[in-house]
């Protein structure tokens, strides 16, 4: 058929995903129990629960929460689990 599509404007670059962040996410600031609950929600595919849990995090950690919520909205279980499992235990 040889169809071609033309657009009026050049395509805008895709927004930078949380998965492409240059610096690591400081998940150790989250309580260990919350990280465990979040891990369970991700493993079971309960992204609503993951979002709910992230909504309970102190507002001082807004950038962290936003990055994790972006991963949850993208259903990026692999990246979420990698982050959660590579987090050092919270200091006592």
PDB file of N, CA and C in Angstrom:
ATOM      1  N   UNK A   1       0.800  -1.202   0.000  1.00  0.00           N
ATOM      2  CA  UNK A   1       0.000   0.000   0.000  1.00  0.00           C
ATOM      3  C   UNK A   1       0.840   1.262   0.000  1.00  0.00           C
ATOM      4  N   UNK A   2       1.993   1.225   0.588  1.00  0.00           N
ATOM      5  CA  UNK A   2       2.897   2.361   0.569  1.00  0.00           C
ATOM      6  C   UNK A   2       2.370   3.592   1.292  1.00  0.00           C
ATOM      7  N   UNK A   3       1.641   3.410   2.348  1.00  0.00           N
ATOM      8  CA  UNK A   3       1.093   4.538   3.098  1.00  0.00           C
ATOM      9  C   UNK A   3       2.165   5.247   3.898  1.00  0.00           C
ATOM     10  N   UNK A   4       2.045   6.574   3.964  1.00  0.00           N
ATOM     11  CA  UNK A   4       2.949   7.375   4.788  1.00  0.00           C
ATOM     12  C   UNK A   4       2.117   8.359   5.577  1.00  0.00           C
ATOM     13  N   UNK A   5       2.524   8.622   6.790  1.00  0.00           N
ATOM     14  CA  UNK A   5       1.821   9.576   7.632  1.00  0.00           C
ATOM     15  C   UNK A   5       2.728  10.756   7.906  1.00  0.00           C
ATOM     16  N   UNK A   6       2.186  11.926   7.777  1.00  0.00           N
ATOM     17  CA  UNK A   6       2.938  13.136   8.068  1.00  0.00           C
ATOM     18  C   UNK A   6       2.274  13.847   9.228  1.00  0.00           C
ATOM     19  N   UNK A   7       3.101  14.449  10.049  1.00  0.00           N
ATOM     20  CA  UNK A   7       2.571  15.219  11.169  1.00  0.00           C
ATOM     21  C   UNK A   7       2.991  16.667  11.009  1.00  0.00           C
ATOM     22  N   UNK A   8       2.217  17.548  11.644  1.00  0.00           N
ATOM     23  CA  UNK A   8       2.522  18.977  11.571  1.00  0.00           C
ATOM     24  C   UNK A   8       3.718  19.358  12.426  1.00  0.00           C
ATOM     25  N   UNK A   9       3.859  18.689  13.550  1.00  0.00           N
ATOM     26  CA  UNK A   9       4.919  19.042  14.494  1.00  0.00           C
ATOM     27  C   UNK A   9       5.817  17.832  14.720  1.00  0.00           C
ATOM     28  N   UNK A  10       7.093  18.096  14.994  1.00  0.00           N
ATOM     29  CA  UNK A  10       7.972  16.963  15.322  1.00  0.00           C
ATOM     30  C   UNK A  10       7.537  16.336  16.639  1.00  0.00           C
ATOM     31  N   UNK A  11       7.771  15.061  16.751  1.00  0.00           N
ATOM     32  CA  UNK A  11       7.404  14.350  17.981  1.00  0.00           C
ATOM     33  C   UNK A  11       8.207  14.886  19.153  1.00  0.00           C
ATOM     34  N   UNK A  12       7.512  15.085  20.276  1.00  0.00           N
ATOM     35  CA  UNK A  12       8.203  15.531  21.486  1.00  0.00           C
ATOM     36  C   UNK A  12       8.898  14.345  22.117  1.00  0.00           C
ATOM     37  N   UNK A  13      10.045  14.587  22.731  1.00  0.00           N
ATOM     38  CA  UNK A  13      10.720  13.463  23.396  1.00  0.00           C
ATOM     39  C   UNK A  13       9.853  12.945  24.531  1.00  0.00           C
ATOM     40  N   UNK A  14       9.905  11.658  24.727  1.00  0.00           N
ATOM     41  CA  UNK A  14       9.135  11.043  25.806  1.00  0.00           C
ATOM     42  C   UNK A  14       9.632  11.560  27.145  1.00  0.00           C
ATOM     43  N   UNK A  15       8.720  11.722  28.122  1.00  0.00           N
ATOM     44  CA  UNK A  15       9.175  12.179  29.430  1.00  0.00           C
ATOM     45  C   UNK A  15      10.153  11.185  30.035  1.00  0.00           C
ATOM     46  N   UNK A  16      11.058  11.693  30.791  1.00  0.00           N
ATOM     47  CA  UNK A  16      12.065  10.852  31.418  1.00  0.00           C
ATOM     48  C   UNK A  16      11.410   9.955  32.452  1.00  0.00           C
ATOM     49  N   UNK A  17      11.528   8.695  32.265  1.00  0.00           N
ATOM     50  CA  UNK A  17      10.918   7.726  33.153  1.00  0.00           C
ATOM     51  C   UNK A  17      11.741   7.574  34.422  1.00  0.00           C
ATOM     52  N   UNK A  18      11.057   7.151  35.483  1.00  0.00           N
ATOM     53  CA  UNK A  18      11.754   6.894  36.743  1.00  0.00           C
ATOM     54  C   UNK A  18      12.806   5.806  36.563  1.00  0.00           C
ATOM     55  N   UNK A  19      12.618   4.963  35.593  1.00  0.00           N
ATOM     56  CA  UNK A  19      13.554   3.864  35.379  1.00  0.00           C
ATOM     57  C   UNK A  19      14.888   4.368  34.857  1.00  0.00           C
ATOM     58  N   UNK A  20      14.907   5.568  34.279  1.00  0.00           N
ATOM     59  CA  UNK A  20      16.126   6.111  33.691  1.00  0.00           C
ATOM     60  C   UNK A  20      16.820   7.124  34.599  1.00  0.00           C
ATOM     61  N   UNK A  21      16.519   7.123  35.846  1.00  0.00           N
ATOM     62  CA  UNK A  21      17.093   8.091  36.777  1.00  0.00           C
ATOM     63  C   UNK A  21      18.604   7.901  36.881  1.00  0.00           C
ATOM     64  N   UNK A  22      19.320   9.008  36.964  1.00  0.00           N
ATOM     65  CA  UNK A  22      20.777   8.953  37.016  1.00  0.00           C
ATOM     66  C   UNK A  22      21.274   8.531  38.389  1.00  0.00           C
ATOM     67  N   UNK A  23      20.591   8.944  39.430  1.00  0.00           N
ATOM     68  CA  UNK A  23      21.080   8.598  40.770  1.00  0.00           C
ATOM     69  C   UNK A  23      20.164   7.558  41.416  1.00  0.00           C
ATOM     70  N   UNK A  24      20.702   6.763  42.303  1.00  0.00           N
ATOM     71  CA  UNK A  24      19.896   5.717  42.933  1.00  0.00           C
ATOM     72  C   UNK A  24      18.833   6.314  43.849  1.00  0.00           C
ATOM     73  N   UNK A  25      17.747   5.569  43.989  1.00  0.00           N
ATOM     74  CA  UNK A  25      16.668   6.006  44.873  1.00  0.00           C
ATOM     75  C   UNK A  25      16.996   5.589  46.308  1.00  0.00           C
ATOM     76  N   UNK A  26      16.865   6.508  47.265  1.00  0.00           N
ATOM     77  CA  UNK A  26      17.223   6.214  48.663  1.00  0.00           C
ATOM     78  C   UNK A  26      16.093   5.506  49.417  1.00  0.00           C
ATOM     79  N   UNK A  27      15.803   4.268  49.044  1.00  0.00           N
ATOM     80  CA  UNK A  27      14.707   3.551  49.673  1.00  0.00           C
ATOM     81  C   UNK A  27      14.943   3.246  51.142  1.00  0.00           C
ATOM     82  N   UNK A  28      16.189   3.346  51.588  1.00  0.00           N
ATOM     83  CA  UNK A  28      16.460   3.047  52.991  1.00  0.00           C
ATOM     84  C   UNK A  28      15.807   4.061  53.935  1.00  0.00           C
ATOM     85  N   UNK A  29      15.317   5.191  53.401  1.00  0.00           N
ATOM     86  CA  UNK A  29      14.610   6.156  54.263  1.00  0.00           C
ATOM     87  C   UNK A  29      13.210   5.649  54.610  1.00  0.00           C
ATOM     88  N   UNK A  30      12.719   4.663  53.871  1.00  0.00           N
ATOM     89  CA  UNK A  30      11.404   4.101  54.160  1.00  0.00           C
ATOM     90  C   UNK A  30      11.524   3.043  55.248  1.00  0.00           C
ATOM     91  N   UNK A  31      10.537   2.968  56.136  1.00  0.00           N
ATOM     92  CA  UNK A  31      10.580   1.923  57.167  1.00  0.00           C
ATOM     93  C   UNK A  31      10.610   0.529  56.531  1.00  0.00           C
ATOM     94  N   UNK A  32      11.318  -0.356  57.177  1.00  0.00           N
ATOM     95  CA  UNK A  32      11.461  -1.711  56.646  1.00  0.00           C
ATOM     96  C   UNK A  32      10.110  -2.397  56.477  1.00  0.00           C
ATOM     97  N   UNK A  33       9.186  -2.183  57.412  1.00  0.00           N
ATOM     98  CA  UNK A  33       7.863  -2.807  57.299  1.00  0.00           C
ATOM     99  C   UNK A  33       7.130  -2.301  56.052  1.00  0.00           C
ATOM    100  N   UNK A  34       7.265  -1.027  55.759  1.00  0.00           N
ATOM    101  CA  UNK A  34       6.634  -0.470  54.562  1.00  0.00           C
ATOM    102  C   UNK A  34       7.264  -1.057  53.304  1.00  0.00           C
ATOM    103  N   UNK A  35       8.586  -1.182  53.296  1.00  0.00           N
ATOM    104  CA  UNK A  35       9.250  -1.785  52.134  1.00  0.00           C
ATOM    105  C   UNK A  35       8.786  -3.226  51.929  1.00  0.00           C
ATOM    106  N   UNK A  36       8.615  -3.962  53.030  1.00  0.00           N
ATOM    107  CA  UNK A  36       8.124  -5.343  52.935  1.00  0.00           C
ATOM    108  C   UNK A  36       6.702  -5.391  52.383  1.00  0.00           C
ATOM    109  N   UNK A  37       5.844  -4.490  52.862  1.00  0.00           N
ATOM    110  CA  UNK A  37       4.463  -4.444  52.372  1.00  0.00           C
ATOM    111  C   UNK A  37       4.436  -4.060  50.893  1.00  0.00           C
ATOM    112  N   UNK A  38       5.269  -3.125  50.527  1.00  0.00           N
ATOM    113  CA  UNK A  38       5.351  -2.687  49.140  1.00  0.00           C
ATOM    114  C   UNK A  38       5.846  -3.832  48.250  1.00  0.00           C
ATOM    115  N   UNK A  39       6.845  -4.548  48.733  1.00  0.00           N
ATOM    116  CA  UNK A  39       7.377  -5.701  47.987  1.00  0.00           C
ATOM    117  C   UNK A  39       6.267  -6.740  47.767  1.00  0.00           C
ATOM    118  N   UNK A  40       5.485  -7.032  48.819  1.00  0.00           N
ATOM    119  CA  UNK A  40       4.396  -8.006  48.682  1.00  0.00           C
ATOM    120  C   UNK A  40       3.361  -7.532  47.665  1.00  0.00           C
ATOM    121  N   UNK A  41       3.028  -6.248  47.708  1.00  0.00           N
ATOM    122  CA  UNK A  41       2.042  -5.707  46.767  1.00  0.00           C
ATOM    123  C   UNK A  41       2.537  -5.851  45.328  1.00  0.00           C
ATOM    124  N   UNK A  42       3.813  -5.583  45.106  1.00  0.00           N
ATOM    125  CA  UNK A  42       4.377  -5.681  43.756  1.00  0.00           C
ATOM    126  C   UNK A  42       4.416  -7.133  43.297  1.00  0.00           C
ATOM    127  N   UNK A  43       4.839  -8.035  44.171  1.00  0.00           N
ATOM    128  CA  UNK A  43       4.937  -9.455  43.818  1.00  0.00           C
ATOM    129  C   UNK A  43       3.561 -10.014  43.435  1.00  0.00           C
ATOM    130  N   UNK A  44       2.515  -9.569  44.129  1.00  0.00           N
ATOM    131  CA  UNK A  44       1.170 -10.066  43.833  1.00  0.00           C
ATOM    132  C   UNK A  44       0.477  -9.268  42.736  1.00  0.00           C
ATOM    133  N   UNK A  45       1.152  -8.230  42.230  1.00  0.00           N
ATOM    134  CA  UNK A  45       0.575  -7.429  41.162  1.00  0.00           C
ATOM    135  C   UNK A  45      -0.502  -6.461  41.631  1.00  0.00           C
ATOM    136  N   UNK A  46      -0.518  -6.167  42.925  1.00  0.00           N
ATOM    137  CA  UNK A  46      -1.525  -5.265  43.493  1.00  0.00           C
ATOM    138  C   UNK A  46      -0.983  -3.832  43.478  1.00  0.00           C
ATOM    139  N   UNK A  47      -1.027  -3.221  42.297  1.00  0.00           N
ATOM    140  CA  UNK A  47      -0.455  -1.883  42.149  1.00  0.00           C
ATOM    141  C   UNK A  47      -1.295  -0.820  42.835  1.00  0.00           C
ATOM    142  N   UNK A  48      -2.579  -1.077  43.014  1.00  0.00           N
ATOM    143  CA  UNK A  48      -3.409  -0.142  43.805  1.00  0.00           C
ATOM    144  C   UNK A  48      -2.912  -0.097  45.239  1.00  0.00           C
ATOM    145  N   UNK A  49      -2.614  -1.256  45.783  1.00  0.00           N
ATOM    146  CA  UNK A  49      -2.089  -1.307  47.149  1.00  0.00           C
ATOM    147  C   UNK A  49      -0.721  -0.638  47.214  1.00  0.00           C
ATOM    148  N   UNK A  50       0.103  -0.850  46.198  1.00  0.00           N
ATOM    149  CA  UNK A  50       1.416  -0.206  46.172  1.00  0.00           C
ATOM    150  C   UNK A  50       1.244   1.312  46.174  1.00  0.00           C
ATOM    151  N   UNK A  51       0.325   1.819  45.364  1.00  0.00           N
ATOM    152  CA  UNK A  51       0.072   3.266  45.327  1.00  0.00           C
ATOM    153  C   UNK A  51      -0.451   3.750  46.679  1.00  0.00           C
ATOM    154  N   UNK A  52      -1.335   2.970  47.294  1.00  0.00           N
ATOM    155  CA  UNK A  52      -1.875   3.349  48.600  1.00  0.00           C
ATOM    156  C   UNK A  52      -0.757   3.430  49.634  1.00  0.00           C
ATOM    157  N   UNK A  53       0.112   2.432  49.639  1.00  0.00           N
ATOM    158  CA  UNK A  53       1.229   2.420  50.578  1.00  0.00           C
ATOM    159  C   UNK A  53       2.145   3.616  50.354  1.00  0.00           C
ATOM    160  N   UNK A  54       2.419   3.919  49.116  1.00  0.00           N
ATOM    161  CA  UNK A  54       3.295   5.057  48.812  1.00  0.00           C
ATOM    162  C   UNK A  54       2.658   6.365  49.252  1.00  0.00           C
ATOM    163  N   UNK A  55       1.334   6.411  49.264  1.00  0.00           N
ATOM    164  CA  UNK A  55       0.627   7.597  49.718  1.00  0.00           C
ATOM    165  C   UNK A  55       0.769   7.850  51.206  1.00  0.00           C
ATOM    166  N   UNK A  56       1.250   6.866  51.953  1.00  0.00           N
ATOM    167  CA  UNK A  56       1.421   7.021  53.395  1.00  0.00           C
ATOM    168  C   UNK A  56       2.800   7.553  53.771  1.00  0.00           C
ATOM    169  N   UNK A  57       3.677   7.691  52.788  1.00  0.00           N
ATOM    170  CA  UNK A  57       5.049   8.123  53.052  1.00  0.00           C
ATOM    171  C   UNK A  57       5.083   9.616  53.350  1.00  0.00           C
ATOM    172  N   UNK A  58       5.908   9.992  54.297  1.00  0.00           N
ATOM    173  CA  UNK A  58       6.093  11.384  54.703  1.00  0.00           C
ATOM    174  C   UNK A  58       6.374  12.262  53.493  1.00  0.00           C
ATOM    175  N   UNK A  59       5.788  13.438  53.466  1.00  0.00           N
ATOM    176  CA  UNK A  59       5.922  14.345  52.321  1.00  0.00           C
ATOM    177  C   UNK A  59       7.359  14.812  52.088  1.00  0.00           C
ATOM    178  N   UNK A  60       8.232  14.659  53.078  1.00  0.00           N
ATOM    179  CA  UNK A  60       9.646  15.028  52.884  1.00  0.00           C
ATOM    180  C   UNK A  60      10.303  14.178  51.798  1.00  0.00           C
ATOM    181  N   UNK A  61       9.703  13.045  51.500  1.00  0.00           N
ATOM    182  CA  UNK A  61      10.277  12.110  50.524  1.00  0.00           C
ATOM    183  C   UNK A  61       9.480  12.125  49.219  1.00  0.00           C
ATOM    184  N   UNK A  62       8.968  13.290  48.861  1.00  0.00           N
ATOM    185  CA  UNK A  62       8.103  13.422  47.685  1.00  0.00           C
ATOM    186  C   UNK A  62       8.738  12.966  46.390  1.00  0.00           C
ATOM    187  N   UNK A  63      10.012  13.300  46.182  1.00  0.00           N
ATOM    188  CA  UNK A  63      10.689  12.911  44.944  1.00  0.00           C
ATOM    189  C   UNK A  63      10.812  11.390  44.848  1.00  0.00           C
ATOM    190  N   UNK A  64      11.144  10.759  45.950  1.00  0.00           N
ATOM    191  CA  UNK A  64      11.242   9.299  46.003  1.00  0.00           C
ATOM    192  C   UNK A  64       9.881   8.673  45.705  1.00  0.00           C
ATOM    193  N   UNK A  65       8.854   9.168  46.384  1.00  0.00           N
ATOM    194  CA  UNK A  65       7.503   8.624  46.193  1.00  0.00           C
ATOM    195  C   UNK A  65       7.062   8.796  44.741  1.00  0.00           C
ATOM    196  N   UNK A  66       7.313   9.964  44.165  1.00  0.00           N
ATOM    197  CA  UNK A  66       6.924  10.212  42.770  1.00  0.00           C
ATOM    198  C   UNK A  66       7.604   9.225  41.826  1.00  0.00           C
ATOM    199  N   UNK A  67       8.878   8.955  42.057  1.00  0.00           N
ATOM    200  CA  UNK A  67       9.613   8.010  41.207  1.00  0.00           C
ATOM    201  C   UNK A  67       9.043   6.599  41.344  1.00  0.00           C
ATOM    202  N   UNK A  68       8.751   6.196  42.573  1.00  0.00           N
ATOM    203  CA  UNK A  68       8.194   4.857  42.794  1.00  0.00           C
ATOM    204  C   UNK A  68       6.780   4.755  42.229  1.00  0.00           C
ATOM    205  N   UNK A  69       5.989   5.811  42.376  1.00  0.00           N
ATOM    206  CA  UNK A  69       4.639   5.805  41.817  1.00  0.00           C
ATOM    207  C   UNK A  69       4.690   5.705  40.294  1.00  0.00           C
ATOM    208  N   UNK A  70       5.653   6.373  39.681  1.00  0.00           N
ATOM    209  CA  UNK A  70       5.800   6.288  38.221  1.00  0.00           C
ATOM    210  C   UNK A  70       6.093   4.852  37.804  1.00  0.00           C
ATOM    211  N   UNK A  71       6.956   4.181  38.537  1.00  0.00           N
ATOM    212  CA  UNK A  71       7.256   2.779  38.231  1.00  0.00           C
ATOM    213  C   UNK A  71       6.023   1.913  38.424  1.00  0.00           C
ATOM    214  N   UNK A  72       5.249   2.177  39.466  1.00  0.00           N
ATOM    215  CA  UNK A  72       4.029   1.403  39.716  1.00  0.00           C
ATOM    216  C   UNK A  72       3.019   1.631  38.590  1.00  0.00           C
ATOM    217  N   UNK A  73       2.890   2.870  38.141  1.00  0.00           N
ATOM    218  CA  UNK A  73       1.950   3.165  37.051  1.00  0.00           C
ATOM    219  C   UNK A  73       2.386   2.515  35.746  1.00  0.00           C
ATOM    220  N   UNK A  74       3.687   2.323  35.589  1.00  0.00           N
ATOM    221  CA  UNK A  74       4.217   1.655  34.393  1.00  0.00           C
ATOM    222  C   UNK A  74       4.190   0.130  34.552  1.00  0.00           C
ATOM    223  N   UNK A  75       3.720  -0.349  35.717  1.00  0.00           N
ATOM    224  CA  UNK A  75       3.693  -1.779  36.030  1.00  0.00           C
ATOM    225  C   UNK A  75       5.075  -2.399  35.872  1.00  0.00           C
ATOM    226  N   UNK A  76       6.089  -1.663  36.299  1.00  0.00           N
ATOM    227  CA  UNK A  76       7.473  -2.120  36.165  1.00  0.00           C
ATOM    228  C   UNK A  76       7.892  -2.882  37.430  1.00  0.00           C
ATOM    229  N   UNK A  77       7.326  -4.075  37.562  1.00  0.00           N
ATOM    230  CA  UNK A  77       7.591  -4.891  38.738  1.00  0.00           C
ATOM    231  C   UNK A  77       9.068  -5.235  38.860  1.00  0.00           C
ATOM    232  N   UNK A  78       9.715  -5.527  37.748  1.00  0.00           N
ATOM    233  CA  UNK A  78      11.129  -5.905  37.801  1.00  0.00           C
ATOM    234  C   UNK A  78      11.975  -4.800  38.432  1.00  0.00           C
ATOM    235  N   UNK A  79      11.777  -3.565  37.989  1.00  0.00           N
ATOM    236  CA  UNK A  79      12.571  -2.448  38.519  1.00  0.00           C
ATOM    237  C   UNK A  79      12.210  -2.175  39.974  1.00  0.00           C
ATOM    238  N   UNK A  80      10.916  -2.209  40.312  1.00  0.00           N
ATOM    239  CA  UNK A  80      10.503  -1.990  41.696  1.00  0.00           C
ATOM    240  C   UNK A  80      11.115  -3.035  42.620  1.00  0.00           C
ATOM    241  N   UNK A  81      11.043  -4.293  42.220  1.00  0.00           N
ATOM    242  CA  UNK A  81      11.610  -5.354  43.058  1.00  0.00           C
ATOM    243  C   UNK A  81      13.123  -5.232  43.164  1.00  0.00           C
ATOM    244  N   UNK A  82      13.762  -4.865  42.073  1.00  0.00           N
ATOM    245  CA  UNK A  82      15.222  -4.671  42.111  1.00  0.00           C
ATOM    246  C   UNK A  82      15.578  -3.588  43.137  1.00  0.00           C
ATOM    247  N   UNK A  83      14.859  -2.491  43.093  1.00  0.00           N
ATOM    248  CA  UNK A  83      15.120  -1.401  44.054  1.00  0.00           C
ATOM    249  C   UNK A  83      14.861  -1.829  45.487  1.00  0.00           C
ATOM    250  N   UNK A  84      13.729  -2.521  45.682  1.00  0.00           N
ATOM    251  CA  UNK A  84      13.370  -2.937  47.045  1.00  0.00           C
ATOM    252  C   UNK A  84      14.325  -3.983  47.593  1.00  0.00           C
ATOM    253  N   UNK A  85      14.782  -4.882  46.763  1.00  0.00           N
ATOM    254  CA  UNK A  85      15.651  -5.957  47.236  1.00  0.00           C
ATOM    255  C   UNK A  85      17.095  -5.544  47.381  1.00  0.00           C
ATOM    256  N   UNK A  86      17.482  -4.441  46.735  1.00  0.00           N
ATOM    257  CA  UNK A  86      18.860  -3.959  46.847  1.00  0.00           C
ATOM    258  C   UNK A  86      18.989  -2.794  47.815  1.00  0.00           C
ATOM    259  N   UNK A  87      18.037  -2.683  48.713  1.00  0.00           N
ATOM    260  CA  UNK A  87      18.058  -1.612  49.697  1.00  0.00           C
ATOM    261  C   UNK A  87      18.638  -2.147  50.995  1.00  0.00           C
ATOM    262  N   UNK A  88      19.584  -1.411  51.522  1.00  0.00           N
ATOM    263  CA  UNK A  88      20.182  -1.803  52.805  1.00  0.00           C
ATOM    264  C   UNK A  88      19.144  -1.681  53.904  1.00  0.00           C
ATOM    265  N   UNK A  89      19.243  -2.512  54.927  1.00  0.00           N
ATOM    266  CA  UNK A  89      18.313  -2.387  56.057  1.00  0.00           C
ATOM    267  C   UNK A  89      18.423  -1.004  56.681  1.00  0.00           C
ATOM    268  N   UNK A  90      17.308  -0.536  57.209  1.00  0.00           N
ATOM    269  CA  UNK A  90      17.281   0.770  57.871  1.00  0.00           C
ATOM    270  C   UNK A  90      18.185   0.728  59.093  1.00  0.00           C
ATOM    271  N   UNK A  91      18.917   1.805  59.358  1.00  0.00           N
ATOM    272  CA  UNK A  91      19.770   1.846  60.544  1.00  0.00           C
ATOM    273  C   UNK A  91      18.926   1.779  61.810  1.00  0.00           C
ATOM    274  N   UNK A  92      19.487   1.133  62.829  1.00  0.00           N
ATOM    275  CA  UNK A  92      18.746   1.001  64.101  1.00  0.00           C
ATOM    276  C   UNK A  92      19.264   1.930  65.137  1.00  0.00           C
TER     277      UNK A  92
END
